[in-house]
N, C-alpha and C. Protein backbone atom coordinates (compact mmCIF):
# COMPACT_ATOMS: atom_id res chain seq x y z
N MET A 1 99.85 111.28 121.80
CA MET A 1 100.33 111.82 120.59
C MET A 1 102.14 111.75 120.36
N SER A 2 102.64 111.30 121.43
CA SER A 2 104.10 111.09 121.12
C SER A 2 104.50 110.04 120.49
N ARG A 3 103.79 109.22 120.01
CA ARG A 3 103.76 107.99 118.96
C ARG A 3 103.62 108.15 117.45
N ILE A 4 102.92 109.10 117.49
CA ILE A 4 102.60 109.58 116.54
C ILE A 4 103.87 110.46 115.40
N PRO A 5 104.25 110.30 114.49
CA PRO A 5 105.13 110.92 113.70
C PRO A 5 104.76 112.25 113.68
N ARG A 6 106.07 113.25 113.40
CA ARG A 6 105.74 114.52 113.34
C ARG A 6 105.17 115.06 112.22
N ILE A 7 105.25 114.38 111.35
CA ILE A 7 104.86 114.81 109.76
C ILE A 7 103.45 114.29 109.95
N LEU A 8 102.79 113.80 110.66
CA LEU A 8 101.40 113.47 110.44
C LEU A 8 100.55 114.59 111.33
N VAL A 9 101.19 115.22 112.25
CA VAL A 9 100.39 116.16 112.98
C VAL A 9 100.56 117.35 112.55
N PRO A 10 99.25 118.20 112.54
CA PRO A 10 99.31 119.57 111.85
C PRO A 10 100.35 120.45 112.61
N ARG A 11 100.32 121.49 111.72
CA ARG A 11 101.58 122.12 112.31
C ARG A 11 100.89 123.10 113.43
N ASP A 12 99.67 123.59 113.12
CA ASP A 12 99.00 124.29 114.13
C ASP A 12 97.95 123.71 114.42
N SER A 13 97.48 122.88 115.41
CA SER A 13 96.40 122.48 115.76
C SER A 13 95.22 122.99 116.25
N SER A 14 95.14 124.55 116.25
CA SER A 14 93.93 125.36 116.85
C SER A 14 92.91 125.17 115.77
N PRO A 15 91.63 125.23 116.14
CA PRO A 15 90.38 125.12 115.39
C PRO A 15 90.43 126.44 114.03
N SER A 16 90.91 127.46 114.46
CA SER A 16 91.00 128.35 113.38
C SER A 16 92.02 128.31 112.53
N SER A 17 93.21 127.59 112.58
CA SER A 17 94.16 127.11 111.81
C SER A 17 93.70 126.97 110.30
N GLY A 18 94.11 127.59 109.08
CA GLY A 18 93.83 127.28 107.95
C GLY A 18 95.17 126.48 107.16
N ASP A 19 96.21 126.08 108.08
CA ASP A 19 97.47 125.51 107.88
C ASP A 19 97.30 123.98 108.05
N ARG A 20 96.05 123.37 108.17
CA ARG A 20 95.87 121.64 108.62
C ARG A 20 96.22 120.96 107.24
N ARG A 21 96.79 119.62 107.54
CA ARG A 21 96.97 118.97 106.26
C ARG A 21 95.78 117.99 106.19
N THR A 22 95.28 117.88 104.81
CA THR A 22 94.46 117.12 104.38
C THR A 22 94.68 115.86 104.66
N LEU A 23 93.48 114.76 104.62
CA LEU A 23 93.68 113.35 104.86
C LEU A 23 94.48 112.58 103.79
N PRO A 24 94.31 113.07 102.50
CA PRO A 24 95.43 112.36 101.31
C PRO A 24 96.86 113.11 101.64
N GLU A 25 96.95 114.22 102.10
CA GLU A 25 98.55 114.42 102.43
C GLU A 25 98.87 113.79 103.63
N ILE A 26 98.16 113.20 104.53
CA ILE A 26 98.68 112.60 105.76
C ILE A 26 98.71 111.20 105.51
N MET A 27 97.73 110.51 104.60
CA MET A 27 98.01 109.40 104.25
C MET A 27 99.20 109.33 103.37
N PHE A 28 99.80 110.14 102.45
CA PHE A 28 100.74 109.96 101.30
C PHE A 28 102.20 109.95 102.30
N ALA A 29 102.03 110.87 103.52
CA ALA A 29 103.41 110.78 104.21
C ALA A 29 103.43 109.72 105.03
N TYR A 30 102.28 109.07 105.60
CA TYR A 30 102.63 107.93 106.51
C TYR A 30 102.71 106.68 105.31
N GLU A 31 102.26 106.62 104.39
CA GLU A 31 102.40 105.55 103.35
C GLU A 31 103.86 105.52 103.06
N ARG A 32 104.71 106.71 102.92
CA ARG A 32 106.18 106.93 102.50
C ARG A 32 106.72 106.56 103.60
N ILE A 33 106.20 106.74 104.93
CA ILE A 33 107.25 106.27 106.10
C ILE A 33 106.96 104.85 106.04
N ILE A 34 105.97 104.06 106.05
CA ILE A 34 105.91 102.74 106.08
C ILE A 34 106.75 102.17 105.16
N ILE A 35 106.60 102.58 103.58
CA ILE A 35 107.46 101.63 102.95
C ILE A 35 109.01 101.77 103.08
N ILE A 36 109.40 103.16 103.43
CA ILE A 36 110.84 103.20 104.06
C ILE A 36 111.46 102.59 105.10
N GLN A 37 110.39 102.49 106.20
CA GLN A 37 110.54 101.38 107.12
C GLN A 37 110.90 100.09 106.85
N ALA A 38 109.91 99.90 106.11
CA ALA A 38 109.80 98.12 105.49
C ALA A 38 111.11 97.90 104.96
N LEU A 39 111.60 98.86 103.56
CA LEU A 39 112.69 98.29 103.13
C LEU A 39 113.77 98.44 104.28
N GLN A 40 114.02 99.24 105.05
CA GLN A 40 115.30 99.09 106.24
C GLN A 40 115.32 97.95 106.60
N LEU A 41 113.83 97.30 107.31
CA LEU A 41 113.85 96.31 108.23
C LEU A 41 114.07 95.06 107.26
N ASN A 42 113.86 94.97 106.10
CA ASN A 42 114.26 94.14 104.97
C ASN A 42 115.25 93.84 104.27
N GLY A 43 115.99 94.83 105.13
CA GLY A 43 117.58 94.74 104.14
C GLY A 43 117.56 95.46 103.15
N PHE A 44 116.84 96.29 102.75
CA PHE A 44 116.71 97.26 101.35
C PHE A 44 116.43 96.08 100.23
N CYS A 45 115.91 94.61 100.60
CA CYS A 45 115.33 93.86 99.55
C CYS A 45 114.12 94.18 98.98
N ARG A 46 114.14 94.63 97.76
CA ARG A 46 112.75 95.16 97.24
C ARG A 46 111.68 93.72 97.41
N SER A 47 112.01 92.53 96.91
CA SER A 47 111.22 91.41 96.76
C SER A 47 110.57 91.23 98.03
N THR A 48 111.67 91.22 99.13
CA THR A 48 111.15 90.75 100.51
C THR A 48 110.25 91.78 100.95
N THR A 49 110.66 93.04 100.71
CA THR A 49 109.84 94.11 101.00
C THR A 49 108.24 94.22 100.97
N ALA A 50 108.39 93.94 99.47
CA ALA A 50 107.13 93.91 98.87
C ALA A 50 105.98 92.43 99.36
N ALA A 51 106.68 91.74 99.50
CA ALA A 51 106.04 90.31 100.33
C ALA A 51 105.30 90.72 101.77
N SER A 52 106.31 91.41 102.38
CA SER A 52 105.83 91.62 104.13
C SER A 52 105.10 92.71 103.84
N LEU A 53 104.72 93.15 102.85
CA LEU A 53 103.83 94.48 102.73
C LEU A 53 102.56 93.87 101.97
N GLY A 54 102.72 92.61 101.48
CA GLY A 54 101.72 91.86 100.97
C GLY A 54 101.07 92.62 99.68
N ILE A 55 102.29 93.08 98.80
CA ILE A 55 102.05 93.40 97.56
C ILE A 55 102.79 92.74 96.42
N SER A 56 102.81 92.97 95.15
CA SER A 56 103.66 92.47 94.57
C SER A 56 104.72 93.67 94.05
N ARG A 57 105.92 93.15 93.54
CA ARG A 57 107.12 93.80 93.35
C ARG A 57 107.01 95.02 92.73
N ASN A 58 105.96 94.79 91.50
CA ASN A 58 105.60 95.80 90.41
C ASN A 58 104.95 96.84 91.35
N HIS A 59 103.89 96.17 92.04
CA HIS A 59 102.98 97.31 93.01
C HIS A 59 104.00 98.31 93.87
N LEU A 60 104.90 97.92 94.36
CA LEU A 60 106.03 98.71 95.25
C LEU A 60 106.60 99.50 94.58
N TYR A 61 106.83 98.94 93.09
CA TYR A 61 107.77 100.22 92.81
C TYR A 61 106.86 101.31 91.89
N SER A 62 105.58 101.11 91.77
CA SER A 62 104.49 102.03 91.55
C SER A 62 104.44 102.88 92.64
N ARG A 63 104.27 102.25 93.97
CA ARG A 63 104.24 103.52 95.00
C ARG A 63 105.24 104.12 95.18
N VAL A 64 106.64 103.57 95.44
CA VAL A 64 107.72 104.19 95.49
C VAL A 64 108.10 105.40 94.35
N ARG A 65 107.37 105.30 93.29
CA ARG A 65 107.73 106.33 92.02
C ARG A 65 106.48 107.36 92.76
N LEU A 66 105.55 107.15 93.06
CA LEU A 66 104.39 108.01 93.21
C LEU A 66 104.61 108.84 94.40
N LEU A 67 105.51 108.22 95.46
CA LEU A 67 105.60 108.68 96.51
C LEU A 67 106.90 109.53 96.71
N GLY A 68 107.86 109.41 95.54
CA GLY A 68 108.91 110.21 95.20
C GLY A 68 110.04 109.43 96.17
N ILE A 69 110.14 108.31 96.43
CA ILE A 69 111.20 107.63 97.21
C ILE A 69 112.33 107.15 96.51
N ASP A 70 113.49 107.71 96.56
CA ASP A 70 114.66 107.46 95.84
C ASP A 70 115.32 106.38 96.17
N LEU A 71 115.00 105.33 95.33
CA LEU A 71 115.64 103.60 95.43
C LEU A 71 117.23 103.74 95.26
N GLY A 72 117.56 104.76 94.22
CA GLY A 72 118.95 104.66 94.16
C GLY A 72 119.85 105.20 95.05
N ALA A 73 119.33 105.72 96.13
CA ALA A 73 120.11 106.28 97.31
C ALA A 73 119.88 105.34 98.41
N MET A 74 119.49 104.30 98.32
CA MET A 74 119.52 103.24 98.99
C MET A 74 120.42 102.22 98.72
N PRO A 75 120.82 101.58 99.59
CA PRO A 75 121.72 100.46 99.54
C PRO A 75 121.01 99.25 98.88
N ARG A 76 121.48 98.57 98.28
CA ARG A 76 120.93 97.29 97.71
C ARG A 76 121.37 96.04 98.50
N ARG A 77 120.50 95.05 98.69
CA ARG A 77 120.77 93.93 99.57
C ARG A 77 122.09 93.35 99.26
N GLY A 78 122.96 93.08 99.97
CA GLY A 78 124.07 92.06 99.70
C GLY A 78 125.34 93.08 98.69
N ARG A 79 125.08 94.41 98.49
CA ARG A 79 126.00 95.31 97.99
C ARG A 79 126.54 96.23 98.88
N VAL A 80 127.67 96.63 98.60
CA VAL A 80 128.04 97.80 99.72
C VAL A 80 127.79 99.11 98.96
N PRO A 81 127.41 100.25 99.32
CA PRO A 81 127.17 101.52 98.62
C PRO A 81 128.75 101.96 98.11
N LYS A 82 128.51 102.36 96.94
CA LYS A 82 130.23 103.01 96.84
C LYS A 82 130.53 104.12 97.29
N SER A 83 129.63 104.74 97.82
CA SER A 83 130.20 105.92 98.81
C SER A 83 131.26 105.25 99.95
N LEU A 84 131.02 104.07 100.19
CA LEU A 84 132.00 103.44 101.26
C LEU A 84 133.38 103.62 100.54
N PHE A 85 133.76 103.19 99.32
CA PHE A 85 134.83 103.14 98.75
C PHE A 85 135.61 104.00 98.80
N LYS A 86 136.82 104.16 99.18
CA LYS A 86 137.62 105.28 98.80
C LYS A 86 138.92 105.08 97.87
N ALA A 87 139.14 105.91 97.24
CA ALA A 87 140.35 105.56 96.23
C ALA A 87 141.32 105.79 97.14
N GLU A 88 142.30 104.48 96.59
CA GLU A 88 143.35 104.06 97.51
C GLU A 88 144.87 104.68 96.72
N LYS A 89 145.46 105.57 97.26
CA LYS A 89 146.57 105.94 96.66
C LYS A 89 147.78 104.91 96.75
N LYS A 90 148.45 104.67 95.69
CA LYS A 90 149.56 103.83 95.89
C LYS A 90 150.80 104.55 96.31
N GLU A 91 151.81 103.93 97.07
CA GLU A 91 152.84 104.83 97.41
C GLU A 91 153.71 103.98 96.52
N GLU A 92 154.74 104.65 95.77
CA GLU A 92 155.80 103.86 95.15
C GLU A 92 157.32 104.59 95.99
């Protein structure tokens, strides 16, 4: 059980628990994890990520929207995130 992501394990695994996750909820969470990890492994390149997952780029974008993954918050391949730039003060 230690290799299973915590998000996939029911909060209370006792048989009487009414707070179990359904199969669709578990699959939704797992697919989200897989896509985010694939993006990281592929340097946030969407085309390479889609190819590594065996899906089209359009399908990747539709899954990303459905799963609520914010691509805008992730760096783009070959670009430095704007948050790394700081305004420099010129001393005169």
